[in-house]
Amino acid sequence: MVTVGIIGAGYWGKNIIRTVNAIDSVKIKYISDCDNKTLEKFSAYTETIKTSDYLEILKDDEVNAVIISTPPVTHYKIARNALFAHKHVMVEKPITIETNHARELVKIAGEENLKLMVGHLLLYHPCVNAMKKYIDDGEIGEIFYLYSKRLNLGKVRKDENALLSFAPHDISVALYLLGKNPDSVSAYGSSYLQKDVEDVVFLNMHFPGGKIAHIHVSWLDPHKVRHTTVVGSHKMMIFDDMEPREKIKIYDKGVKMSGEYGSYGEFLSLRDGNIFIPAVKMREPLKCECEHFIECIEQGCSPRSDGRNGLIVTHVLEAAQRSLKSGGIPVEIDKLI
């Protein structure tokens, strides 16, 4: 039995509590939130201690792990305290706001032999994992580029822009599918509803070998869109998470070159084949994610979205934020050790 304390019971925390509570090998001993009215919503959890002071959880030796679902600006302090209290940690995305803070958490977790996992939810989505398998099996061929859209009307944040709120999901997916880290990023966006809080951002990532990834995020858009397109040398693949059933489509489309490319593309031939819709067995990504965290604790394995994965995503976000505030100037990504 893994004994857990959950820190942050608000917008996303309530979903984590519901999900973790359904895992047989887990006991939720504490639910913590700084808002007592939020804690009152969990009165049905009669055997769970409700507290507004998360440090109470860290002092309890019976607690093996904590799950942190608080505002990103608080992640570093809470996660650091939890690791020093010798608790395994799962923290919502992004792991921290600053790269140096993320690097420190990774170092502490390694020294203390603790699991540090980041809530990059889409890495536990059955469709994203299916896409990864098609790519790794060579079905799509060499990946040329990919792009994604994460759009909606609301929820408008005050303490973070659309880049920090939405883009961690798609950055983590791009790194996962391409199997590489970018060498430079650029971002451009604008603030319409609040000063200095960008409502829409266009992010570009350049990878070694010429591969590129483009990400469009916004909470000021008429459509709710969750869409990723992968273009390869053999086939093309689309993941539309808003589709109720047929979420992945693989297009047998491409361009074949024969001989030397001429001025009018006379040595290029287009291939327009069939569309394949694979059957993917769906499970709730959050359930997969939470179960994975518990399994890593029980079995001693490394999380798919471990601290280093969170560190890289934070590093990309930090560089993108710098580019965004500089009018879209490309920013190089340093290699992280």
C-alpha atoms as a PDB file:
ATOM      1  CA  MET A   1       0.000   0.000   0.000  1.00  0.00           C
ATOM      2  CA  VAL A   2       1.370   3.390  -1.074  1.00  0.00           C
ATOM      3  CA  THR A   3       0.264   6.195   1.247  1.00  0.00           C
ATOM      4  CA  VAL A   4      -0.209   9.501  -0.574  1.00  0.00           C
ATOM      5  CA  GLY A   5      -0.784  13.137   0.268  1.00  0.00           C
ATOM      6  CA  ILE A   6      -2.356  15.317  -2.415  1.00  0.00           C
ATOM      7  CA  ILE A   7      -1.403  18.991  -2.349  1.00  0.00           C
ATOM      8  CA  GLY A   8      -3.793  21.217  -4.277  1.00  0.00           C
ATOM      9  CA  ALA A   9      -7.456  20.226  -4.572  1.00  0.00           C
ATOM     10  CA  GLY A  10      -8.789  22.829  -6.966  1.00  0.00           C
ATOM     11  CA  TYR A  11      -9.464  22.850 -10.716  1.00  0.00           C
ATOM     12  CA  TRP A  12      -7.230  19.884 -11.634  1.00  0.00           C
ATOM     13  CA  GLY A  13      -6.514  18.554  -8.172  1.00  0.00           C
ATOM     14  CA  LYS A  14     -10.068  17.293  -7.746  1.00  0.00           C
ATOM     15  CA  ASN A  15      -9.598  15.068 -10.812  1.00  0.00           C
ATOM     16  CA  ILE A  16      -6.365  13.683  -9.384  1.00  0.00           C
ATOM     17  CA  ILE A  17      -8.084  12.924  -6.068  1.00  0.00           C
ATOM     18  CA  ARG A  18     -10.915  11.083  -7.831  1.00  0.00           C
ATOM     19  CA  THR A  19      -8.476   9.076  -9.944  1.00  0.00           C
ATOM     20  CA  VAL A  20      -5.989   8.168  -7.226  1.00  0.00           C
ATOM     21  CA  ASN A  21      -8.786   7.196  -4.867  1.00  0.00           C
ATOM     22  CA  ALA A  22      -9.827   4.490  -7.353  1.00  0.00           C
ATOM     23  CA  ILE A  23      -6.399   2.790  -7.313  1.00  0.00           C
ATOM     24  CA  ASP A  24      -6.619  -0.228  -4.993  1.00  0.00           C
ATOM     25  CA  SER A  25      -2.997  -0.114  -3.845  1.00  0.00           C
ATOM     26  CA  VAL A  26      -3.167   3.544  -2.758  1.00  0.00           C
ATOM     27  CA  LYS A  27      -4.352   5.171   0.443  1.00  0.00           C
ATOM     28  CA  ILE A  28      -4.992   8.919   0.347  1.00  0.00           C
ATOM     29  CA  LYS A  29      -4.154  10.002   3.877  1.00  0.00           C
ATOM     30  CA  TYR A  30      -4.140  13.768   3.290  1.00  0.00           C
ATOM     31  CA  ILE A  31      -5.795  16.324   1.031  1.00  0.00           C
ATOM     32  CA  SER A  32      -4.281  19.785   1.346  1.00  0.00           C
ATOM     33  CA  ASP A  33      -5.389  23.123  -0.051  1.00  0.00           C
ATOM     34  CA  CYS A  34      -4.882  26.683   1.144  1.00  0.00           C
ATOM     35  CA  ASP A  35      -8.611  27.368   0.613  1.00  0.00           C
ATOM     36  CA  ASN A  36     -10.749  25.867   3.365  1.00  0.00           C
ATOM     37  CA  LYS A  37     -13.882  26.146   1.199  1.00  0.00           C
ATOM     38  CA  THR A  38     -12.207  23.892  -1.351  1.00  0.00           C
ATOM     39  CA  LEU A  39     -11.380  21.363   1.368  1.00  0.00           C
ATOM     40  CA  GLU A  40     -15.031  21.319   2.478  1.00  0.00           C
ATOM     41  CA  LYS A  41     -15.957  19.826  -0.917  1.00  0.00           C
ATOM     42  CA  PHE A  42     -14.190  16.608   0.102  1.00  0.00           C
ATOM     43  CA  SER A  43     -16.165  15.929   3.261  1.00  0.00           C
ATOM     44  CA  ALA A  44     -17.192  12.553   1.790  1.00  0.00           C
ATOM     45  CA  TYR A  45     -13.583  11.406   2.182  1.00  0.00           C
ATOM     46  CA  THR A  46     -14.168  10.699   5.848  1.00  0.00           C
ATOM     47  CA  GLU A  47     -10.955   8.745   6.435  1.00  0.00           C
ATOM     48  CA  THR A  48      -8.780  11.409   4.802  1.00  0.00           C
ATOM     49  CA  ILE A  49      -7.197  14.241   6.774  1.00  0.00           C
ATOM     50  CA  LYS A  50      -7.933  17.672   5.338  1.00  0.00           C
ATOM     51  CA  THR A  51      -5.360  20.382   6.023  1.00  0.00           C
ATOM     52  CA  SER A  52      -4.524  23.869   4.807  1.00  0.00           C
ATOM     53  CA  ASP A  53      -0.859  23.346   5.763  1.00  0.00           C
ATOM     54  CA  TYR A  54       0.897  20.985   3.352  1.00  0.00           C
ATOM     55  CA  LEU A  55       3.926  20.806   5.677  1.00  0.00           C
ATOM     56  CA  GLU A  56       1.802  18.624   7.952  1.00  0.00           C
ATOM     57  CA  ILE A  57       1.904  15.968   5.212  1.00  0.00           C
ATOM     58  CA  LEU A  58       5.683  16.129   4.889  1.00  0.00           C
ATOM     59  CA  LYS A  59       6.145  15.538   8.637  1.00  0.00           C
ATOM     60  CA  ASP A  60       4.197  12.271   8.506  1.00  0.00           C
ATOM     61  CA  ASP A  61       6.548   9.296   8.081  1.00  0.00           C
ATOM     62  CA  GLU A  62       3.679   7.084   6.918  1.00  0.00           C
ATOM     63  CA  VAL A  63       3.300   9.142   3.715  1.00  0.00           C
ATOM     64  CA  ASN A  64       5.389   7.645   0.893  1.00  0.00           C
ATOM     65  CA  ALA A  65       4.536  10.097  -1.873  1.00  0.00           C
ATOM     66  CA  VAL A  66       2.916  13.435  -2.657  1.00  0.00           C
ATOM     67  CA  ILE A  67       1.123  14.649  -5.753  1.00  0.00           C
ATOM     68  CA  ILE A  68       1.343  18.402  -6.312  1.00  0.00           C
ATOM     69  CA  SER A  69      -1.387  20.219  -8.252  1.00  0.00           C
ATOM     70  CA  THR A  70      -0.866  23.843  -7.287  1.00  0.00           C
ATOM     71  CA  PRO A  71      -0.055  26.959  -9.380  1.00  0.00           C
ATOM     72  CA  PRO A  72       3.253  26.545 -11.298  1.00  0.00           C
ATOM     73  CA  VAL A  73       4.971  29.320  -9.355  1.00  0.00           C
ATOM     74  CA  THR A  74       4.679  27.185  -6.210  1.00  0.00           C
ATOM     75  CA  HIS A  75       5.931  23.889  -7.694  1.00  0.00           C
ATOM     76  CA  TYR A  76       9.628  24.382  -6.942  1.00  0.00           C
ATOM     77  CA  LYS A  77       9.235  25.206  -3.255  1.00  0.00           C
ATOM     78  CA  ILE A  78       6.713  22.475  -2.491  1.00  0.00           C
ATOM     79  CA  ALA A  79       8.492  19.777  -4.524  1.00  0.00           C
ATOM     80  CA  ARG A  80      11.859  20.676  -2.998  1.00  0.00           C
ATOM     81  CA  ASN A  81      10.459  20.458   0.535  1.00  0.00           C
ATOM     82  CA  ALA A  82       8.803  17.130  -0.293  1.00  0.00           C
ATOM     83  CA  LEU A  83      11.994  15.603  -1.693  1.00  0.00           C
ATOM     84  CA  PHE A  84      13.988  16.706   1.345  1.00  0.00           C
ATOM     85  CA  ALA A  85      11.254  15.093   3.477  1.00  0.00           C
ATOM     86  CA  HIS A  86      12.042  11.889   1.556  1.00  0.00           C
ATOM     87  CA  LYS A  87       8.749  11.655  -0.351  1.00  0.00           C
ATOM     88  CA  HIS A  88       8.362  10.494  -3.936  1.00  0.00           C
ATOM     89  CA  VAL A  89       6.939  13.388  -5.960  1.00  0.00           C
ATOM     90  CA  MET A  90       4.562  13.742  -8.863  1.00  0.00           C
ATOM     91  CA  VAL A  91       4.137  17.385  -9.827  1.00  0.00           C
ATOM     92  CA  GLU A  92       1.837  18.883 -12.422  1.00  0.00           C
ATOM     93  CA  LYS A  93       3.291  20.545 -15.516  1.00  0.00           C
ATOM     94  CA  PRO A  94       5.448  22.511 -15.807  1.00  0.00           C
ATOM     95  CA  ILE A  95       7.778  21.067 -13.201  1.00  0.00           C
ATOM     96  CA  THR A  96       9.026  24.593 -12.404  1.00  0.00           C
ATOM     97  CA  ILE A  97       9.112  28.005 -14.042  1.00  0.00           C
ATOM     98  CA  GLU A  98      12.922  28.238 -14.087  1.00  0.00           C
ATOM     99  CA  THR A  99      15.399  25.776 -15.594  1.00  0.00           C
ATOM    100  CA  ASN A 100      17.825  26.073 -12.675  1.00  0.00           C
ATOM    101  CA  HIS A 101      15.076  25.129 -10.235  1.00  0.00           C
ATOM    102  CA  ALA A 102      14.104  22.106 -12.320  1.00  0.00           C
ATOM    103  CA  ARG A 103      17.740  21.032 -12.526  1.00  0.00           C
ATOM    104  CA  GLU A 104      18.017  21.265  -8.747  1.00  0.00           C
ATOM    105  CA  LEU A 105      14.942  19.079  -8.202  1.00  0.00           C
ATOM    106  CA  VAL A 106      16.335  16.433 -10.565  1.00  0.00           C
ATOM    107  CA  LYS A 107      19.632  16.488  -8.643  1.00  0.00           C
ATOM    108  CA  ILE A 108      17.931  16.140  -5.243  1.00  0.00           C
ATOM    109  CA  ALA A 109      15.706  13.279  -6.431  1.00  0.00           C
ATOM    110  CA  GLY A 110      18.751  11.441  -7.756  1.00  0.00           C
ATOM    111  CA  GLU A 111      20.748  11.907  -4.583  1.00  0.00           C
ATOM    112  CA  GLU A 112      17.824  10.827  -2.395  1.00  0.00           C
ATOM    113  CA  ASN A 113      16.923   7.889  -4.697  1.00  0.00           C
ATOM    114  CA  LEU A 114      13.362   9.169  -5.077  1.00  0.00           C
ATOM    115  CA  LYS A 115      10.909   9.151  -7.967  1.00  0.00           C
ATOM    116  CA  LEU A 116      10.294  12.556  -9.504  1.00  0.00           C
ATOM    117  CA  MET A 117       7.555  12.567 -12.131  1.00  0.00           C
ATOM    118  CA  VAL A 118       5.953  15.417 -14.083  1.00  0.00           C
ATOM    119  CA  GLY A 119       2.310  15.469 -15.166  1.00  0.00           C
ATOM    120  CA  HIS A 120       2.868  15.546 -18.922  1.00  0.00           C
ATOM    121  CA  LEU A 121      -0.542  13.978 -19.358  1.00  0.00           C
ATOM    122  CA  LEU A 122      -0.463  13.381 -23.104  1.00  0.00           C
ATOM    123  CA  LEU A 123       2.518  11.035 -22.807  1.00  0.00           C
ATOM    124  CA  TYR A 124       0.018   8.645 -21.193  1.00  0.00           C
ATOM    125  CA  HIS A 125      -2.668   9.086 -23.846  1.00  0.00           C
ATOM    126  CA  PRO A 126      -3.232   5.763 -25.686  1.00  0.00           C
ATOM    127  CA  CYS A 127      -3.375   7.589 -29.034  1.00  0.00           C
ATOM    128  CA  VAL A 128      -0.065   9.397 -28.496  1.00  0.00           C
ATOM    129  CA  ASN A 129       1.542   6.092 -27.571  1.00  0.00           C
ATOM    130  CA  ALA A 130       0.030   4.500 -30.688  1.00  0.00           C
ATOM    131  CA  MET A 131       1.494   7.318 -32.809  1.00  0.00           C
ATOM    132  CA  LYS A 132       4.889   6.778 -31.202  1.00  0.00           C
ATOM    133  CA  LYS A 133       4.769   3.073 -32.068  1.00  0.00           C
ATOM    134  CA  TYR A 134       3.869   3.774 -35.712  1.00  0.00           C
ATOM    135  CA  ILE A 135       6.823   6.172 -35.926  1.00  0.00           C
ATOM    136  CA  ASP A 136       9.280   3.823 -34.203  1.00  0.00           C
ATOM    137  CA  ASP A 137       8.158   0.905 -36.389  1.00  0.00           C
ATOM    138  CA  GLY A 138       8.993   2.937 -39.516  1.00  0.00           C
ATOM    139  CA  GLU A 139       5.389   3.065 -40.726  1.00  0.00           C
ATOM    140  CA  ILE A 140       5.497   6.826 -41.298  1.00  0.00           C
ATOM    141  CA  GLY A 141       9.056   6.912 -42.641  1.00  0.00           C
ATOM    142  CA  GLU A 142      11.428   9.733 -41.781  1.00  0.00           C
ATOM    143  CA  ILE A 143       9.600  12.489 -39.927  1.00  0.00           C
ATOM    144  CA  PHE A 144       9.899  15.806 -41.739  1.00  0.00           C
ATOM    145  CA  TYR A 145       7.865  18.040 -39.442  1.00  0.00           C
ATOM    146  CA  LEU A 146       4.878  18.142 -37.115  1.00  0.00           C
ATOM    147  CA  TYR A 147       2.489  20.774 -35.881  1.00  0.00           C
ATOM    148  CA  SER A 148      -0.181  20.985 -33.205  1.00  0.00           C
ATOM    149  CA  LYS A 149      -3.040  23.250 -32.168  1.00  0.00           C
ATOM    150  CA  ARG A 150      -4.415  23.619 -28.651  1.00  0.00           C
ATOM    151  CA  LEU A 151      -7.179  26.200 -28.798  1.00  0.00           C
ATOM    152  CA  ASN A 152     -10.266  27.110 -26.812  1.00  0.00           C
ATOM    153  CA  LEU A 153     -12.404  30.022 -25.611  1.00  0.00           C
ATOM    154  CA  GLY A 154     -11.286  30.174 -21.944  1.00  0.00           C
ATOM    155  CA  LYS A 155     -10.159  29.318 -19.308  1.00  0.00           C
ATOM    156  CA  VAL A 156      -8.318  32.668 -19.141  1.00  0.00           C
ATOM    157  CA  ARG A 157      -5.454  32.693 -16.620  1.00  0.00           C
ATOM    158  CA  LYS A 158      -4.074  35.668 -14.743  1.00  0.00           C
ATOM    159  CA  ASP A 159      -0.819  34.262 -13.364  1.00  0.00           C
ATOM    160  CA  GLU A 160       0.476  32.655 -16.598  1.00  0.00           C
ATOM    161  CA  ASN A 161       0.096  33.189 -20.337  1.00  0.00           C
ATOM    162  CA  ALA A 162      -1.201  30.710 -22.920  1.00  0.00           C
ATOM    163  CA  LEU A 163       2.345  29.532 -23.618  1.00  0.00           C
ATOM    164  CA  LEU A 164       2.997  28.411 -20.034  1.00  0.00           C
ATOM    165  CA  SER A 165      -0.539  27.107 -19.550  1.00  0.00           C
ATOM    166  CA  PHE A 166      -1.052  25.095 -22.755  1.00  0.00           C
ATOM    167  CA  ALA A 167       2.257  24.536 -24.546  1.00  0.00           C
ATOM    168  CA  PRO A 168       3.900  22.093 -22.077  1.00  0.00           C
ATOM    169  CA  HIS A 169       1.508  19.418 -23.347  1.00  0.00           C
ATOM    170  CA  ASP A 170       2.465  19.834 -26.999  1.00  0.00           C
ATOM    171  CA  ILE A 171       6.162  20.422 -26.348  1.00  0.00           C
ATOM    172  CA  SER A 172       6.354  17.151 -24.425  1.00  0.00           C
ATOM    173  CA  VAL A 173       4.537  15.328 -27.250  1.00  0.00           C
ATOM    174  CA  ALA A 174       6.843  16.798 -29.917  1.00  0.00           C
ATOM    175  CA  LEU A 175       9.957  15.722 -27.989  1.00  0.00           C
ATOM    176  CA  TYR A 176       8.440  12.275 -27.396  1.00  0.00           C
ATOM    177  CA  LEU A 177       7.460  11.651 -31.026  1.00  0.00           C
ATOM    178  CA  LEU A 178      10.670  13.017 -32.543  1.00  0.00           C
ATOM    179  CA  GLY A 179      12.931  11.456 -29.914  1.00  0.00           C
ATOM    180  CA  LYS A 180      15.129  14.556 -29.917  1.00  0.00           C
ATOM    181  CA  ASN A 181      15.513  17.878 -28.150  1.00  0.00           C
ATOM    182  CA  PRO A 182      15.333  21.132 -30.137  1.00  0.00           C
ATOM    183  CA  ASP A 183      18.429  23.238 -30.741  1.00  0.00           C
ATOM    184  CA  SER A 184      16.534  26.551 -31.012  1.00  0.00           C
ATOM    185  CA  VAL A 185      13.056  27.987 -30.458  1.00  0.00           C
ATOM    186  CA  SER A 186      11.170  31.130 -31.387  1.00  0.00           C
ATOM    187  CA  ALA A 187       7.789  32.367 -30.192  1.00  0.00           C
ATOM    188  CA  TYR A 188       5.490  35.187 -31.168  1.00  0.00           C
ATOM    189  CA  GLY A 189       2.199  36.195 -29.595  1.00  0.00           C
ATOM    190  CA  SER A 190       0.094  39.006 -28.272  1.00  0.00           C
ATOM    191  CA  SER A 191      -1.944  40.130 -25.252  1.00  0.00           C
ATOM    192  CA  TYR A 192      -5.501  41.299 -25.879  1.00  0.00           C
ATOM    193  CA  LEU A 193      -7.412  40.717 -22.647  1.00  0.00           C
ATOM    194  CA  GLN A 194      -4.769  41.498 -20.005  1.00  0.00           C
ATOM    195  CA  LYS A 195      -1.557  43.454 -20.121  1.00  0.00           C
ATOM    196  CA  ASP A 196       1.567  41.294 -20.569  1.00  0.00           C
ATOM    197  CA  VAL A 197      -0.416  38.023 -20.455  1.00  0.00           C
ATOM    198  CA  GLU A 198      -0.353  36.604 -23.971  1.00  0.00           C
ATOM    199  CA  ASP A 199      -3.672  35.080 -25.052  1.00  0.00           C
ATOM    200  CA  VAL A 200      -2.307  33.564 -28.251  1.00  0.00           C
ATOM    201  CA  VAL A 201       1.203  32.256 -28.989  1.00  0.00           C
ATOM    202  CA  PHE A 202       2.833  30.677 -32.040  1.00  0.00           C
ATOM    203  CA  LEU A 203       5.856  28.594 -31.052  1.00  0.00           C
ATOM    204  CA  ASN A 204       8.433  27.148 -33.460  1.00  0.00           C
ATOM    205  CA  MET A 205      11.026  24.540 -32.499  1.00  0.00           C
ATOM    206  CA  HIS A 206      13.984  23.645 -34.719  1.00  0.00           C
ATOM    207  CA  PHE A 207      15.574  20.219 -34.266  1.00  0.00           C
ATOM    208  CA  PRO A 208      18.904  18.723 -35.372  1.00  0.00           C
ATOM    209  CA  GLY A 209      18.676  17.417 -38.919  1.00  0.00           C
ATOM    210  CA  GLY A 210      16.273  20.129 -40.039  1.00  0.00           C
ATOM    211  CA  LYS A 211      13.111  18.793 -38.431  1.00  0.00           C
ATOM    212  CA  ILE A 212      10.684  21.420 -37.168  1.00  0.00           C
ATOM    213  CA  ALA A 213       7.660  21.525 -34.881  1.00  0.00           C
ATOM    214  CA  HIS A 214       5.084  24.308 -34.784  1.00  0.00           C
ATOM    215  CA  ILE A 215       2.687  24.824 -31.876  1.00  0.00           C
ATOM    216  CA  HIS A 216      -0.300  27.197 -31.840  1.00  0.00           C
ATOM    217  CA  VAL A 217      -1.924  27.799 -28.440  1.00  0.00           C
ATOM    218  CA  SER A 218      -4.731  30.163 -27.478  1.00  0.00           C
ATOM    219  CA  TRP A 219      -7.584  30.578 -25.023  1.00  0.00           C
ATOM    220  CA  LEU A 220      -9.113  33.257 -27.282  1.00  0.00           C
ATOM    221  CA  ASP A 221     -10.445  31.188 -30.173  1.00  0.00           C
ATOM    222  CA  PRO A 222     -13.966  30.229 -31.320  1.00  0.00           C
ATOM    223  CA  HIS A 223     -13.134  26.522 -31.639  1.00  0.00           C
ATOM    224  CA  LYS A 224     -12.007  23.923 -29.129  1.00  0.00           C
ATOM    225  CA  VAL A 225      -9.151  22.203 -30.946  1.00  0.00           C
ATOM    226  CA  ARG A 226      -6.755  19.452 -29.809  1.00  0.00           C
ATOM    227  CA  HIS A 227      -4.967  18.475 -32.981  1.00  0.00           C
ATOM    228  CA  THR A 228      -1.532  17.107 -33.962  1.00  0.00           C
ATOM    229  CA  THR A 229      -0.292  16.381 -37.506  1.00  0.00           C
ATOM    230  CA  VAL A 230       2.867  14.407 -38.318  1.00  0.00           C
ATOM    231  CA  VAL A 231       4.289  14.526 -41.852  1.00  0.00           C
ATOM    232  CA  GLY A 232       6.713  11.779 -42.849  1.00  0.00           C
ATOM    233  CA  SER A 233       8.488  10.552 -45.949  1.00  0.00           C
ATOM    234  CA  HIS A 234       6.144   7.540 -46.335  1.00  0.00           C
ATOM    235  CA  LYS A 235       2.873   8.562 -44.751  1.00  0.00           C
ATOM    236  CA  MET A 236       1.149  11.302 -42.797  1.00  0.00           C
ATOM    237  CA  MET A 237      -0.671  10.959 -39.489  1.00  0.00           C
ATOM    238  CA  ILE A 238      -3.280  13.056 -37.698  1.00  0.00           C
ATOM    239  CA  PHE A 239      -4.388  12.836 -34.072  1.00  0.00           C
ATOM    240  CA  ASP A 240      -7.621  14.708 -33.315  1.00  0.00           C
ATOM    241  CA  ASP A 241      -8.485  14.342 -29.637  1.00  0.00           C
ATOM    242  CA  MET A 242     -11.870  16.023 -30.161  1.00  0.00           C
ATOM    243  CA  GLU A 243     -13.038  13.123 -32.310  1.00  0.00           C
ATOM    244  CA  PRO A 244     -15.222  10.821 -30.201  1.00  0.00           C
ATOM    245  CA  ARG A 245     -13.971   7.589 -31.817  1.00  0.00           C
ATOM    246  CA  GLU A 246     -11.721   7.885 -34.876  1.00  0.00           C
ATOM    247  CA  LYS A 247      -8.989   9.883 -33.166  1.00  0.00           C
ATOM    248  CA  ILE A 248      -6.048   8.750 -35.361  1.00  0.00           C
ATOM    249  CA  LYS A 249      -5.999   8.753 -39.152  1.00  0.00           C
ATOM    250  CA  ILE A 250      -2.992   7.594 -41.195  1.00  0.00           C
ATOM    251  CA  TYR A 251      -2.850   8.915 -44.753  1.00  0.00           C
ATOM    252  CA  ASP A 252      -0.967   6.955 -47.395  1.00  0.00           C
ATOM    253  CA  LYS A 253       0.057  10.217 -49.008  1.00  0.00           C
ATOM    254  CA  GLY A 254       3.451  11.592 -49.942  1.00  0.00           C
ATOM    255  CA  VAL A 255       5.828  12.845 -52.602  1.00  0.00           C
ATOM    256  CA  LYS A 256       8.265  10.634 -54.494  1.00  0.00           C
ATOM    257  CA  MET A 257      11.398  12.100 -56.109  1.00  0.00           C
ATOM    258  CA  SER A 258      13.081  10.440 -59.073  1.00  0.00           C
ATOM    259  CA  GLY A 259      16.235  11.895 -60.566  1.00  0.00           C
ATOM    260  CA  GLU A 260      17.311  15.496 -60.116  1.00  0.00           C
ATOM    261  CA  TYR A 261      14.731  18.049 -59.049  1.00  0.00           C
ATOM    262  CA  GLY A 262      13.903  20.392 -61.933  1.00  0.00           C
ATOM    263  CA  SER A 263      12.570  23.915 -62.074  1.00  0.00           C
ATOM    264  CA  TYR A 264       8.972  22.777 -62.445  1.00  0.00           C
ATOM    265  CA  GLY A 265       9.168  19.715 -60.225  1.00  0.00           C
ATOM    266  CA  GLU A 266       9.023  17.321 -63.160  1.00  0.00           C
ATOM    267  CA  PHE A 267      10.841  14.653 -61.148  1.00  0.00           C
ATOM    268  CA  LEU A 268       8.307  14.815 -58.325  1.00  0.00           C
ATOM    269  CA  SER A 269       5.263  12.550 -58.224  1.00  0.00           C
ATOM    270  CA  LEU A 270       2.443  12.783 -55.698  1.00  0.00           C
ATOM    271  CA  ARG A 271       1.057   9.684 -54.028  1.00  0.00           C
ATOM    272  CA  ASP A 272      -2.531   9.855 -52.818  1.00  0.00           C
ATOM    273  CA  GLY A 273      -3.513   6.537 -51.277  1.00  0.00           C
ATOM    274  CA  ASN A 274      -5.969   5.196 -48.746  1.00  0.00           C
ATOM    275  CA  ILE A 275      -6.764   6.425 -45.250  1.00  0.00           C
ATOM    276  CA  PHE A 276      -6.233   3.945 -42.423  1.00  0.00           C
ATOM    277  CA  ILE A 277      -8.056   4.429 -39.125  1.00  0.00           C
ATOM    278  CA  PRO A 278      -6.457   2.203 -36.468  1.00  0.00           C
ATOM    279  CA  ALA A 279      -8.466   0.868 -33.553  1.00  0.00           C
ATOM    280  CA  VAL A 280      -6.959   2.202 -30.326  1.00  0.00           C
ATOM    281  CA  LYS A 281      -8.116   0.834 -26.996  1.00  0.00           C
ATOM    282  CA  MET A 282      -8.887   3.950 -25.000  1.00  0.00           C
ATOM    283  CA  ARG A 283      -8.245   4.468 -21.299  1.00  0.00           C
ATOM    284  CA  GLU A 284      -8.414   7.702 -19.345  1.00  0.00           C
ATOM    285  CA  PRO A 285      -4.946   9.298 -19.679  1.00  0.00           C
ATOM    286  CA  LEU A 286      -5.035  10.628 -16.106  1.00  0.00           C
ATOM    287  CA  LYS A 287      -5.720   7.130 -14.788  1.00  0.00           C
ATOM    288  CA  CYS A 288      -2.816   5.761 -16.841  1.00  0.00           C
ATOM    289  CA  GLU A 289      -0.579   8.544 -15.549  1.00  0.00           C
ATOM    290  CA  CYS A 290      -1.440   8.083 -11.868  1.00  0.00           C
ATOM    291  CA  GLU A 291      -1.147   4.302 -12.087  1.00  0.00           C
ATOM    292  CA  HIS A 292       2.253   4.703 -13.755  1.00  0.00           C
ATOM    293  CA  PHE A 293       3.475   6.874 -10.866  1.00  0.00           C
ATOM    294  CA  ILE A 294       2.399   4.265  -8.304  1.00  0.00           C
ATOM    295  CA  GLU A 295       3.932   1.421 -10.355  1.00  0.00           C
ATOM    296  CA  CYS A 296       7.251   3.272 -10.555  1.00  0.00           C
ATOM    297  CA  ILE A 297       7.283   3.566  -6.754  1.00  0.00           C
ATOM    298  CA  GLU A 298       6.342  -0.080  -6.251  1.00  0.00           C
ATOM    299  CA  GLN A 299       8.654  -1.533  -8.914  1.00  0.00           C
ATOM    300  CA  GLY A 300      11.549   0.940  -8.737  1.00  0.00           C
ATOM    301  CA  CYS A 301      11.388   1.889 -12.434  1.00  0.00           C
ATOM    302  CA  SER A 302      11.897   5.337 -13.956  1.00  0.00           C
ATOM    303  CA  PRO A 303       8.798   7.353 -14.947  1.00  0.00           C
ATOM    304  CA  ARG A 304       8.228   8.035 -18.638  1.00  0.00           C
ATOM    305  CA  SER A 305       7.854  11.732 -17.795  1.00  0.00           C
ATOM    306  CA  ASP A 306      10.631  11.846 -15.209  1.00  0.00           C
ATOM    307  CA  GLY A 307      12.286  14.898 -13.741  1.00  0.00           C
ATOM    308  CA  ARG A 308      14.740  15.208 -16.607  1.00  0.00           C
ATOM    309  CA  ASN A 309      11.883  15.195 -19.102  1.00  0.00           C
ATOM    310  CA  GLY A 310      10.284  17.995 -17.102  1.00  0.00           C
ATOM    311  CA  LEU A 311      13.625  19.830 -16.997  1.00  0.00           C
ATOM    312  CA  ILE A 312      13.933  19.796 -20.796  1.00  0.00           C
ATOM    313  CA  VAL A 313      10.356  21.013 -21.308  1.00  0.00           C
ATOM    314  CA  THR A 314      10.937  23.828 -18.801  1.00  0.00           C
ATOM    315  CA  HIS A 315      14.163  24.766 -20.580  1.00  0.00           C
ATOM    316  CA  VAL A 316      12.275  25.006 -23.890  1.00  0.00           C
ATOM    317  CA  LEU A 317       9.516  27.052 -22.244  1.00  0.00           C
ATOM    318  CA  GLU A 318      12.015  29.428 -20.662  1.00  0.00           C
ATOM    319  CA  ALA A 319      13.747  29.996 -24.009  1.00  0.00           C
ATOM    320  CA  ALA A 320      10.384  30.414 -25.759  1.00  0.00           C
ATOM    321  CA  GLN A 321       9.280  32.947 -23.155  1.00  0.00           C
ATOM    322  CA  ARG A 322      12.487  34.890 -23.734  1.00  0.00           C
ATOM    323  CA  SER A 323      11.846  34.867 -27.478  1.00  0.00           C
ATOM    324  CA  LEU A 324       8.224  35.887 -26.942  1.00  0.00           C
ATOM    325  CA  LYS A 325       9.196  38.945 -24.902  1.00  0.00           C
ATOM    326  CA  SER A 326      11.842  39.860 -27.520  1.00  0.00           C
ATOM    327  CA  GLY A 327       9.467  39.953 -30.451  1.00  0.00           C
ATOM    328  CA  GLY A 328      10.084  36.436 -31.760  1.00  0.00           C
ATOM    329  CA  ILE A 329      13.881  36.421 -31.983  1.00  0.00           C
ATOM    330  CA  PRO A 330      15.169  32.780 -32.113  1.00  0.00           C
ATOM    331  CA  VAL A 331      16.806  31.572 -28.896  1.00  0.00           C
ATOM    332  CA  GLU A 332      19.290  28.709 -28.854  1.00  0.00           C
ATOM    333  CA  ILE A 333      18.657  25.764 -26.535  1.00  0.00           C
ATOM    334  CA  ASP A 334      21.667  24.803 -24.443  1.00  0.00           C
ATOM    335  CA  LYS A 335      22.488  21.151 -23.968  1.00  0.00           C
ATOM    336  CA  LEU A 336      21.480  20.047 -20.491  1.00  0.00           C
ATOM    337  CA  ILE A 337      23.760  17.793 -18.502  1.00  0.00           C
END
